All heavy atoms as atom14 arrays in JSON, in Angstrom:
{
  "sequence": "EGHLGGVELVLKVAKAPLEEGLRGIAITSKGVLHETTLAGCESKPLS",
  "atom14_mask": [
    [1, 1, 1, 1, 1, 1, 1, 1, 1, 0, 0, 0, 0, 0],
    [1, 1, 1, 1, 0, 0, 0, 0, 0, 0, 0, 0, 0, 0],
    [1, 1, 1, 1, 1, 1, 1, 1, 1, 1, 0, 0, 0, 0],
    [1, 1, 1, 1, 1, 1, 1, 1, 0, 0, 0, 0, 0, 0],
    [1, 1, 1, 1, 0, 0, 0, 0, 0, 0, 0, 0, 0, 0],
    [1, 1, 1, 1, 0, 0, 0, 0, 0, 0, 0, 0, 0, 0],
    [1, 1, 1, 1, 1, 1, 1, 0, 0, 0, 0, 0, 0, 0],
    [1, 1, 1, 1, 1, 1, 1, 1, 1, 0, 0, 0, 0, 0],
    [1, 1, 1, 1, 1, 1, 1, 1, 0, 0, 0, 0, 0, 0],
    [1, 1, 1, 1, 1, 1, 1, 0, 0, 0, 0, 0, 0, 0],
    [1, 1, 1, 1, 1, 1, 1, 1, 0, 0, 0, 0, 0, 0],
    [1, 1, 1, 1, 1, 1, 1, 1, 1, 0, 0, 0, 0, 0],
    [1, 1, 1, 1, 1, 1, 1, 0, 0, 0, 0, 0, 0, 0],
    [1, 1, 1, 1, 1, 0, 0, 0, 0, 0, 0, 0, 0, 0],
    [1, 1, 1, 1, 1, 1, 1, 1, 1, 0, 0, 0, 0, 0],
    [1, 1, 1, 1, 1, 0, 0, 0, 0, 0, 0, 0, 0, 0],
    [1, 1, 1, 1, 1, 1, 1, 0, 0, 0, 0, 0, 0, 0],
    [1, 1, 1, 1, 1, 1, 1, 1, 0, 0, 0, 0, 0, 0],
    [1, 1, 1, 1, 1, 1, 1, 1, 1, 0, 0, 0, 0, 0],
    [1, 1, 1, 1, 1, 1, 1, 1, 1, 0, 0, 0, 0, 0],
    [1, 1, 1, 1, 0, 0, 0, 0, 0, 0, 0, 0, 0, 0],
    [1, 1, 1, 1, 1, 1, 1, 1, 0, 0, 0, 0, 0, 0],
    [1, 1, 1, 1, 1, 1, 1, 1, 1, 1, 1, 0, 0, 0],
    [1, 1, 1, 1, 0, 0, 0, 0, 0, 0, 0, 0, 0, 0],
    [1, 1, 1, 1, 1, 1, 1, 1, 0, 0, 0, 0, 0, 0],
    [1, 1, 1, 1, 1, 0, 0, 0, 0, 0, 0, 0, 0, 0],
    [1, 1, 1, 1, 1, 1, 1, 1, 0, 0, 0, 0, 0, 0],
    [1, 1, 1, 1, 1, 1, 1, 0, 0, 0, 0, 0, 0, 0],
    [1, 1, 1, 1, 1, 1, 0, 0, 0, 0, 0, 0, 0, 0],
    [1, 1, 1, 1, 1, 1, 1, 1, 1, 0, 0, 0, 0, 0],
    [1, 1, 1, 1, 0, 0, 0, 0, 0, 0, 0, 0, 0, 0],
    [1, 1, 1, 1, 1, 1, 1, 0, 0, 0, 0, 0, 0, 0],
    [1, 1, 1, 1, 1, 1, 1, 1, 0, 0, 0, 0, 0, 0],
    [1, 1, 1, 1, 1, 1, 1, 1, 1, 1, 0, 0, 0, 0],
    [1, 1, 1, 1, 1, 1, 1, 1, 1, 0, 0, 0, 0, 0],
    [1, 1, 1, 1, 1, 1, 1, 0, 0, 0, 0, 0, 0, 0],
    [1, 1, 1, 1, 1, 1, 1, 0, 0, 0, 0, 0, 0, 0],
    [1, 1, 1, 1, 1, 1, 1, 1, 0, 0, 0, 0, 0, 0],
    [1, 1, 1, 1, 1, 0, 0, 0, 0, 0, 0, 0, 0, 0],
    [1, 1, 1, 1, 0, 0, 0, 0, 0, 0, 0, 0, 0, 0],
    [1, 1, 1, 1, 1, 1, 0, 0, 0, 0, 0, 0, 0, 0],
    [1, 1, 1, 1, 1, 1, 1, 1, 1, 0, 0, 0, 0, 0],
    [1, 1, 1, 1, 1, 1, 0, 0, 0, 0, 0, 0, 0, 0],
    [1, 1, 1, 1, 1, 1, 1, 1, 1, 0, 0, 0, 0, 0],
    [1, 1, 1, 1, 1, 1, 1, 0, 0, 0, 0, 0, 0, 0],
    [1, 1, 1, 1, 1, 1, 1, 1, 0, 0, 0, 0, 0, 0],
    [1, 1, 1, 1, 1, 1, 0, 0, 0, 0, 0, 0, 0, 0]
  ],
  "atom14_positions": [
    [[-4.11, 65.07, 45.14], [-4.57, 64.6, 46.28], [-4.26, 65.43, 47.48], [-5.0, 65.61, 48.38], [-3.88, 63.14, 46.63], [-4.39, 62.51, 47.81], [-3.83, 61.08, 48.1], [-2.96, 60.71, 47.23], [-4.23, 60.39, 49.1], [0.0, 0.0, 0.0], [0.0, 0.0, 0.0], [0.0, 0.0, 0.0], [0.0, 0.0, 0.0], [0.0, 0.0, 0.0]],
    [[-3.14, 66.29, 47.44], [-2.84, 67.12, 48.53], [-3.94, 68.26, 48.71], [-4.1, 68.51, 49.87], [0.0, 0.0, 0.0], [0.0, 0.0, 0.0], [0.0, 0.0, 0.0], [0.0, 0.0, 0.0], [0.0, 0.0, 0.0], [0.0, 0.0, 0.0], [0.0, 0.0, 0.0], [0.0, 0.0, 0.0], [0.0, 0.0, 0.0], [0.0, 0.0, 0.0]],
    [[-4.5, 68.67, 47.67], [-5.49, 69.8, 47.9], [-6.96, 69.21, 47.96], [-7.72, 69.77, 48.67], [-5.5, 70.71, 46.6], [-4.41, 71.59, 46.62], [-3.41, 71.69, 45.72], [-4.17, 72.57, 47.63], [-2.58, 72.56, 46.05], [-2.96, 73.24, 47.1], [0.0, 0.0, 0.0], [0.0, 0.0, 0.0], [0.0, 0.0, 0.0], [0.0, 0.0, 0.0]],
    [[-7.2, 68.1, 47.39], [-8.46, 67.52, 47.23], [-8.82, 66.36, 48.24], [-10.0, 66.06, 48.47], [-8.83, 66.96, 45.83], [-8.66, 68.14, 44.72], [-9.0, 67.46, 43.39], [-9.6, 69.35, 45.04], [0.0, 0.0, 0.0], [0.0, 0.0, 0.0], [0.0, 0.0, 0.0], [0.0, 0.0, 0.0], [0.0, 0.0, 0.0], [0.0, 0.0, 0.0]],
    [[-7.79, 65.73, 48.72], [-8.02, 64.58, 49.67], [-8.45, 63.4, 48.88], [-8.2, 63.25, 47.61], [0.0, 0.0, 0.0], [0.0, 0.0, 0.0], [0.0, 0.0, 0.0], [0.0, 0.0, 0.0], [0.0, 0.0, 0.0], [0.0, 0.0, 0.0], [0.0, 0.0, 0.0], [0.0, 0.0, 0.0], [0.0, 0.0, 0.0], [0.0, 0.0, 0.0]],
    [[-9.01, 62.42, 49.61], [-9.34, 61.18, 49.1], [-10.74, 61.11, 48.4], [-11.53, 60.14, 48.64], [0.0, 0.0, 0.0], [0.0, 0.0, 0.0], [0.0, 0.0, 0.0], [0.0, 0.0, 0.0], [0.0, 0.0, 0.0], [0.0, 0.0, 0.0], [0.0, 0.0, 0.0], [0.0, 0.0, 0.0], [0.0, 0.0, 0.0], [0.0, 0.0, 0.0]],
    [[-11.06, 62.03, 47.63], [-12.41, 62.16, 46.99], [-12.39, 61.34, 45.78], [-11.39, 60.9, 45.16], [-12.88, 63.57, 46.75], [-12.86, 64.46, 47.96], [-11.93, 64.37, 45.73], [0.0, 0.0, 0.0], [0.0, 0.0, 0.0], [0.0, 0.0, 0.0], [0.0, 0.0, 0.0], [0.0, 0.0, 0.0], [0.0, 0.0, 0.0], [0.0, 0.0, 0.0]],
    [[-13.74, 61.22, 45.12], [-13.73, 60.45, 43.79], [-14.67, 61.13, 42.77], [-15.71, 61.66, 43.3], [-14.33, 59.14, 44.28], [-14.52, 58.02, 43.08], [-15.14, 56.71, 43.66], [-16.29, 56.69, 43.81], [-14.34, 55.81, 43.72], [0.0, 0.0, 0.0], [0.0, 0.0, 0.0], [0.0, 0.0, 0.0], [0.0, 0.0, 0.0], [0.0, 0.0, 0.0]],
    [[-14.13, 61.21, 41.61], [-14.93, 61.83, 40.5], [-15.81, 60.76, 39.74], [-15.17, 59.74, 39.33], [-14.0, 62.55, 39.47], [-14.59, 62.99, 38.2], [-15.61, 64.13, 38.44], [-13.45, 63.47, 37.29], [0.0, 0.0, 0.0], [0.0, 0.0, 0.0], [0.0, 0.0, 0.0], [0.0, 0.0, 0.0], [0.0, 0.0, 0.0], [0.0, 0.0, 0.0]],
    [[-17.0, 60.99, 39.69], [-17.89, 59.99, 38.87], [-18.28, 60.66, 37.57], [-18.94, 61.72, 37.54], [-19.13, 59.68, 39.73], [-20.13, 58.73, 38.91], [-18.85, 59.02, 41.0], [0.0, 0.0, 0.0], [0.0, 0.0, 0.0], [0.0, 0.0, 0.0], [0.0, 0.0, 0.0], [0.0, 0.0, 0.0], [0.0, 0.0, 0.0], [0.0, 0.0, 0.0]],
    [[-17.93, 60.05, 36.46], [-18.29, 60.49, 35.12], [-19.31, 59.63, 34.54], [-19.11, 58.41, 34.59], [-17.02, 60.61, 34.3], [-15.85, 61.54, 34.61], [-14.72, 61.46, 33.62], [-16.4, 62.95, 34.71], [0.0, 0.0, 0.0], [0.0, 0.0, 0.0], [0.0, 0.0, 0.0], [0.0, 0.0, 0.0], [0.0, 0.0, 0.0], [0.0, 0.0, 0.0]],
    [[-20.23, 60.16, 33.89], [-21.2, 59.37, 33.18], [-21.43, 59.89, 31.77], [-21.27, 61.03, 31.49], [-22.56, 59.47, 34.02], [-22.5, 59.05, 35.41], [-23.78, 59.18, 36.18], [-23.7, 58.73, 37.7], [-25.03, 58.91, 38.18], [0.0, 0.0, 0.0], [0.0, 0.0, 0.0], [0.0, 0.0, 0.0], [0.0, 0.0, 0.0], [0.0, 0.0, 0.0]],
    [[-21.74, 58.9, 30.87], [-22.13, 59.2, 29.47], [-23.57, 58.99, 29.3], [-23.97, 57.84, 29.36], [-21.25, 58.43, 28.55], [-21.53, 58.89, 27.0], [-19.68, 58.73, 28.89], [0.0, 0.0, 0.0], [0.0, 0.0, 0.0], [0.0, 0.0, 0.0], [0.0, 0.0, 0.0], [0.0, 0.0, 0.0], [0.0, 0.0, 0.0], [0.0, 0.0, 0.0]],
    [[-24.36, 60.04, 28.89], [-25.73, 59.81, 28.62], [-26.02, 59.13, 27.38], [-25.2, 59.26, 26.4], [-26.5, 61.19, 28.71], [0.0, 0.0, 0.0], [0.0, 0.0, 0.0], [0.0, 0.0, 0.0], [0.0, 0.0, 0.0], [0.0, 0.0, 0.0], [0.0, 0.0, 0.0], [0.0, 0.0, 0.0], [0.0, 0.0, 0.0], [0.0, 0.0, 0.0]],
    [[-27.07, 58.44, 27.25], [-27.37, 57.8, 25.97], [-27.98, 58.8, 24.9], [-27.79, 58.61, 23.71], [-28.53, 56.77, 26.28], [-27.95, 55.48, 26.97], [-28.9, 54.27, 26.95], [-28.27, 53.08, 27.54], [-29.28, 51.91, 27.62], [0.0, 0.0, 0.0], [0.0, 0.0, 0.0], [0.0, 0.0, 0.0], [0.0, 0.0, 0.0], [0.0, 0.0, 0.0]],
    [[-28.46, 59.89, 25.38], [-28.99, 60.96, 24.46], [-28.36, 62.22, 24.81], [-27.9, 62.45, 25.98], [-30.56, 61.06, 24.57], [0.0, 0.0, 0.0], [0.0, 0.0, 0.0], [0.0, 0.0, 0.0], [0.0, 0.0, 0.0], [0.0, 0.0, 0.0], [0.0, 0.0, 0.0], [0.0, 0.0, 0.0], [0.0, 0.0, 0.0], [0.0, 0.0, 0.0]],
    [[-28.14, 63.24, 23.92], [-27.63, 64.51, 24.22], [-28.39, 65.16, 25.32], [-29.58, 65.07, 25.33], [-27.81, 65.34, 22.88], [-27.95, 64.22, 21.89], [-28.66, 63.11, 22.39], [0.0, 0.0, 0.0], [0.0, 0.0, 0.0], [0.0, 0.0, 0.0], [0.0, 0.0, 0.0], [0.0, 0.0, 0.0], [0.0, 0.0, 0.0], [0.0, 0.0, 0.0]],
    [[-27.66, 65.89, 26.22], [-28.38, 66.43, 27.33], [-28.68, 67.96, 27.16], [-27.89, 68.55, 26.36], [-27.3, 66.33, 28.55], [-26.98, 64.98, 28.92], [-25.88, 65.01, 29.96], [-28.08, 64.22, 29.55], [0.0, 0.0, 0.0], [0.0, 0.0, 0.0], [0.0, 0.0, 0.0], [0.0, 0.0, 0.0], [0.0, 0.0, 0.0], [0.0, 0.0, 0.0]],
    [[-29.72, 68.48, 27.75], [-29.94, 69.81, 27.81], [-28.79, 70.56, 28.47], [-28.09, 69.98, 29.32], [-31.26, 70.18, 28.36], [-32.47, 69.56, 27.7], [-33.78, 69.97, 28.42], [-33.75, 70.84, 29.31], [-34.83, 69.33, 28.16], [0.0, 0.0, 0.0], [0.0, 0.0, 0.0], [0.0, 0.0, 0.0], [0.0, 0.0, 0.0], [0.0, 0.0, 0.0]],
    [[-28.63, 71.9, 28.11], [-27.45, 72.49, 28.66], [-27.37, 72.47, 30.15], [-26.31, 72.39, 30.84], [-27.49, 74.06, 28.26], [-26.16, 74.75, 28.69], [-26.15, 76.12, 27.98], [-27.14, 76.53, 27.36], [-25.1, 76.8, 28.24], [0.0, 0.0, 0.0], [0.0, 0.0, 0.0], [0.0, 0.0, 0.0], [0.0, 0.0, 0.0], [0.0, 0.0, 0.0]],
    [[-28.55, 72.59, 30.89], [-28.53, 72.54, 32.4], [-28.3, 71.31, 32.98], [-27.96, 71.22, 34.17], [0.0, 0.0, 0.0], [0.0, 0.0, 0.0], [0.0, 0.0, 0.0], [0.0, 0.0, 0.0], [0.0, 0.0, 0.0], [0.0, 0.0, 0.0], [0.0, 0.0, 0.0], [0.0, 0.0, 0.0], [0.0, 0.0, 0.0], [0.0, 0.0, 0.0]],
    [[-28.25, 70.14, 32.19], [-27.95, 68.87, 32.67], [-26.48, 68.39, 32.49], [-26.1, 67.42, 33.0], [-28.91, 67.83, 32.19], [-30.46, 68.07, 32.47], [-31.26, 67.0, 31.81], [-30.65, 67.91, 34.02], [0.0, 0.0, 0.0], [0.0, 0.0, 0.0], [0.0, 0.0, 0.0], [0.0, 0.0, 0.0], [0.0, 0.0, 0.0], [0.0, 0.0, 0.0]],
    [[-25.73, 69.06, 31.66], [-24.37, 68.73, 31.28], [-23.48, 69.06, 32.28], [-23.7, 70.1, 33.04], [-24.02, 69.45, 30.01], [-24.83, 69.16, 28.73], [-24.6, 70.12, 27.63], [-25.57, 70.05, 26.47], [-25.61, 71.01, 25.63], [-24.71, 71.96, 25.55], [-26.58, 70.91, 24.75], [0.0, 0.0, 0.0], [0.0, 0.0, 0.0], [0.0, 0.0, 0.0]],
    [[-22.39, 68.4, 32.35], [-21.2, 68.81, 33.32], [-21.26, 68.02, 34.63], [-22.16, 67.31, 34.99], [0.0, 0.0, 0.0], [0.0, 0.0, 0.0], [0.0, 0.0, 0.0], [0.0, 0.0, 0.0], [0.0, 0.0, 0.0], [0.0, 0.0, 0.0], [0.0, 0.0, 0.0], [0.0, 0.0, 0.0], [0.0, 0.0, 0.0], [0.0, 0.0, 0.0]],
    [[-20.17, 68.32, 35.34], [-19.88, 67.7, 36.58], [-20.36, 68.58, 37.8], [-19.97, 69.81, 37.9], [-18.39, 67.46, 36.79], [-17.81, 66.82, 35.44], [-18.12, 66.58, 37.94], [-18.51, 65.55, 35.1], [0.0, 0.0, 0.0], [0.0, 0.0, 0.0], [0.0, 0.0, 0.0], [0.0, 0.0, 0.0], [0.0, 0.0, 0.0], [0.0, 0.0, 0.0]],
    [[-21.28, 67.95, 38.51], [-21.79, 68.83, 39.7], [-20.76, 68.79, 40.84], [-20.39, 67.64, 41.26], [-23.1, 68.2, 40.14], [0.0, 0.0, 0.0], [0.0, 0.0, 0.0], [0.0, 0.0, 0.0], [0.0, 0.0, 0.0], [0.0, 0.0, 0.0], [0.0, 0.0, 0.0], [0.0, 0.0, 0.0], [0.0, 0.0, 0.0], [0.0, 0.0, 0.0]],
    [[-20.25, 70.02, 41.25], [-19.37, 70.04, 42.34], [-20.15, 70.4, 43.61], [-20.78, 71.42, 43.75], [-18.34, 71.05, 42.13], [-17.53, 70.77, 40.86], [-17.33, 71.25, 43.22], [-16.62, 71.77, 40.26], [0.0, 0.0, 0.0], [0.0, 0.0, 0.0], [0.0, 0.0, 0.0], [0.0, 0.0, 0.0], [0.0, 0.0, 0.0], [0.0, 0.0, 0.0]],
    [[-20.11, 69.54, 44.63], [-20.81, 69.79, 45.85], [-19.74, 69.71, 46.9], [-18.71, 69.05, 46.89], [-21.91, 68.72, 46.14], [-21.25, 67.42, 46.19], [-22.93, 68.8, 45.07], [0.0, 0.0, 0.0], [0.0, 0.0, 0.0], [0.0, 0.0, 0.0], [0.0, 0.0, 0.0], [0.0, 0.0, 0.0], [0.0, 0.0, 0.0], [0.0, 0.0, 0.0]],
    [[-20.12, 70.38, 48.03], [-19.32, 70.39, 49.33], [-20.31, 70.23, 50.46], [-21.03, 71.08, 50.7], [-18.39, 71.58, 49.49], [-17.53, 71.49, 50.57], [0.0, 0.0, 0.0], [0.0, 0.0, 0.0], [0.0, 0.0, 0.0], [0.0, 0.0, 0.0], [0.0, 0.0, 0.0], [0.0, 0.0, 0.0], [0.0, 0.0, 0.0], [0.0, 0.0, 0.0]],
    [[-20.21, 69.06, 51.19], [-21.15, 68.86, 52.25], [-22.62, 68.89, 51.81], [-23.33, 69.45, 52.57], [-20.75, 69.73, 53.5], [-19.35, 69.52, 53.98], [-19.12, 70.11, 55.46], [-17.78, 69.76, 55.85], [-17.41, 70.28, 57.07], [0.0, 0.0, 0.0], [0.0, 0.0, 0.0], [0.0, 0.0, 0.0], [0.0, 0.0, 0.0], [0.0, 0.0, 0.0]],
    [[-22.76, 68.43, 50.61], [-24.13, 68.29, 50.14], [-24.68, 69.61, 49.44], [-25.75, 69.47, 48.91], [0.0, 0.0, 0.0], [0.0, 0.0, 0.0], [0.0, 0.0, 0.0], [0.0, 0.0, 0.0], [0.0, 0.0, 0.0], [0.0, 0.0, 0.0], [0.0, 0.0, 0.0], [0.0, 0.0, 0.0], [0.0, 0.0, 0.0], [0.0, 0.0, 0.0]],
    [[-23.88, 70.72, 49.41], [-24.37, 71.88, 48.81], [-23.69, 72.06, 47.41], [-22.56, 71.99, 47.22], [-24.08, 73.1, 49.64], [-24.43, 74.36, 48.98], [-24.71, 73.0, 50.93], [0.0, 0.0, 0.0], [0.0, 0.0, 0.0], [0.0, 0.0, 0.0], [0.0, 0.0, 0.0], [0.0, 0.0, 0.0], [0.0, 0.0, 0.0], [0.0, 0.0, 0.0]],
    [[-24.57, 72.21, 46.35], [-24.18, 72.39, 44.98], [-23.53, 73.75, 44.7], [-24.15, 74.77, 45.09], [-25.27, 72.25, 43.95], [-25.01, 72.41, 42.49], [-23.94, 71.35, 41.97], [-26.22, 72.37, 41.76], [0.0, 0.0, 0.0], [0.0, 0.0, 0.0], [0.0, 0.0, 0.0], [0.0, 0.0, 0.0], [0.0, 0.0, 0.0], [0.0, 0.0, 0.0]],
    [[-22.26, 73.81, 44.25], [-21.63, 75.19, 44.14], [-21.34, 75.43, 42.63], [-21.23, 76.59, 42.23], [-20.33, 75.17, 44.87], [-20.49, 75.18, 46.32], [-21.06, 76.21, 47.03], [-20.28, 74.23, 47.32], [-21.14, 76.01, 48.33], [-20.7, 74.73, 48.51], [0.0, 0.0, 0.0], [0.0, 0.0, 0.0], [0.0, 0.0, 0.0], [0.0, 0.0, 0.0]],
    [[-21.27, 74.45, 41.83], [-20.93, 74.71, 40.41], [-21.13, 73.44, 39.53], [-21.08, 72.32, 40.12], [-19.46, 75.17, 40.11], [-19.2, 75.45, 38.7], [-17.77, 76.0, 38.41], [-17.18, 76.37, 39.46], [-17.37, 76.18, 37.31], [0.0, 0.0, 0.0], [0.0, 0.0, 0.0], [0.0, 0.0, 0.0], [0.0, 0.0, 0.0], [0.0, 0.0, 0.0]],
    [[-21.59, 73.52, 38.34], [-21.58, 72.4, 37.35], [-20.76, 72.85, 36.24], [-20.98, 73.87, 35.65], [-23.09, 72.13, 36.88], [-23.86, 71.95, 38.02], [-23.18, 71.0, 36.0], [0.0, 0.0, 0.0], [0.0, 0.0, 0.0], [0.0, 0.0, 0.0], [0.0, 0.0, 0.0], [0.0, 0.0, 0.0], [0.0, 0.0, 0.0], [0.0, 0.0, 0.0]],
    [[-19.75, 72.05, 35.89], [-18.72, 72.52, 34.92], [-18.33, 71.31, 34.02], [-18.32, 70.22, 34.52], [-17.53, 73.12, 35.61], [-16.68, 73.57, 34.7], [-16.87, 72.15, 36.56], [0.0, 0.0, 0.0], [0.0, 0.0, 0.0], [0.0, 0.0, 0.0], [0.0, 0.0, 0.0], [0.0, 0.0, 0.0], [0.0, 0.0, 0.0], [0.0, 0.0, 0.0]],
    [[-17.85, 71.65, 32.9], [-17.24, 70.78, 32.0], [-15.79, 71.17, 31.98], [-14.88, 70.54, 31.24], [-17.74, 70.67, 30.51], [-19.09, 70.02, 30.42], [-19.92, 70.45, 29.23], [-18.87, 68.4, 30.53], [0.0, 0.0, 0.0], [0.0, 0.0, 0.0], [0.0, 0.0, 0.0], [0.0, 0.0, 0.0], [0.0, 0.0, 0.0], [0.0, 0.0, 0.0]],
    [[-15.28, 72.01, 32.7], [-13.87, 72.37, 33.01], [-12.94, 72.62, 31.73], [-12.01, 72.08, 31.49], [-13.18, 71.28, 33.81], [0.0, 0.0, 0.0], [0.0, 0.0, 0.0], [0.0, 0.0, 0.0], [0.0, 0.0, 0.0], [0.0, 0.0, 0.0], [0.0, 0.0, 0.0], [0.0, 0.0, 0.0], [0.0, 0.0, 0.0], [0.0, 0.0, 0.0]],
    [[-13.56, 73.42, 30.79], [-12.9, 73.86, 29.59], [-13.25, 72.99, 28.46], [-12.65, 73.15, 27.27], [0.0, 0.0, 0.0], [0.0, 0.0, 0.0], [0.0, 0.0, 0.0], [0.0, 0.0, 0.0], [0.0, 0.0, 0.0], [0.0, 0.0, 0.0], [0.0, 0.0, 0.0], [0.0, 0.0, 0.0], [0.0, 0.0, 0.0], [0.0, 0.0, 0.0]],
    [[-14.06, 72.04, 28.58], [-14.38, 71.12, 27.36], [-15.78, 71.4, 26.85], [-16.33, 70.7, 26.07], [-14.37, 69.68, 27.9], [-12.8, 69.15, 28.41], [0.0, 0.0, 0.0], [0.0, 0.0, 0.0], [0.0, 0.0, 0.0], [0.0, 0.0, 0.0], [0.0, 0.0, 0.0], [0.0, 0.0, 0.0], [0.0, 0.0, 0.0], [0.0, 0.0, 0.0]],
    [[-16.35, 72.51, 27.15], [-17.6, 72.93, 26.77], [-17.79, 72.98, 25.29], [-18.93, 72.7, 24.73], [-18.02, 74.3, 27.4], [-18.3, 74.22, 28.86], [-16.99, 74.44, 29.68], [-15.92, 74.45, 29.04], [-16.99, 74.53, 30.85], [0.0, 0.0, 0.0], [0.0, 0.0, 0.0], [0.0, 0.0, 0.0], [0.0, 0.0, 0.0], [0.0, 0.0, 0.0]],
    [[-16.76, 73.37, 24.59], [-16.92, 73.45, 23.06], [-16.89, 72.16, 22.35], [-17.07, 72.15, 21.09], [-15.82, 74.41, 22.48], [-14.49, 73.87, 22.76], [0.0, 0.0, 0.0], [0.0, 0.0, 0.0], [0.0, 0.0, 0.0], [0.0, 0.0, 0.0], [0.0, 0.0, 0.0], [0.0, 0.0, 0.0], [0.0, 0.0, 0.0], [0.0, 0.0, 0.0]],
    [[-16.44, 71.06, 23.05], [-16.39, 69.69, 22.31], [-17.82, 69.25, 22.09], [-18.67, 69.23, 22.96], [-15.7, 68.73, 23.26], [-14.31, 69.21, 23.73], [-13.24, 69.03, 22.54], [-11.83, 69.29, 23.03], [-10.91, 69.13, 21.96], [0.0, 0.0, 0.0], [0.0, 0.0, 0.0], [0.0, 0.0, 0.0], [0.0, 0.0, 0.0], [0.0, 0.0, 0.0]],
    [[-18.1, 68.89, 20.81], [-19.49, 68.52, 20.49], [-19.97, 67.29, 21.36], [-21.2, 67.34, 21.75], [-19.33, 68.07, 19.05], [-18.18, 68.84, 18.51], [-17.28, 68.98, 19.68], [0.0, 0.0, 0.0], [0.0, 0.0, 0.0], [0.0, 0.0, 0.0], [0.0, 0.0, 0.0], [0.0, 0.0, 0.0], [0.0, 0.0, 0.0], [0.0, 0.0, 0.0]],
    [[-19.23, 66.36, 21.68], [-19.58, 65.21, 22.52], [-19.75, 65.51, 23.95], [-20.1, 64.64, 24.77], [-18.66, 64.03, 22.2], [-18.82, 63.46, 20.75], [-17.92, 62.3, 20.46], [-20.28, 63.08, 20.46], [0.0, 0.0, 0.0], [0.0, 0.0, 0.0], [0.0, 0.0, 0.0], [0.0, 0.0, 0.0], [0.0, 0.0, 0.0], [0.0, 0.0, 0.0]],
    [[-19.3, 66.73, 24.42], [-19.51, 67.11, 25.78], [-20.92, 67.19, 26.12], [-21.29, 67.11, 27.25], [-18.84, 68.36, 26.06], [-19.45, 69.49, 25.45], [0.0, 0.0, 0.0], [0.0, 0.0, 0.0], [0.0, 0.0, 0.0], [0.0, 0.0, 0.0], [0.0, 0.0, 0.0], [0.0, 0.0, 0.0], [0.0, 0.0, 0.0], [0.0, 0.0, 0.0]]
  ]
}
């Protein structure tokens, strides 16, 4: 919380496997997309 403040992470599970470009958590700051990441979990099949 000290570095990130009172933000909220929204995680979703798709019903079907996602194309690579749709996987991961979209990180935005003031509405601008800066990265989409699985934060080290990319090799997990169910990611």
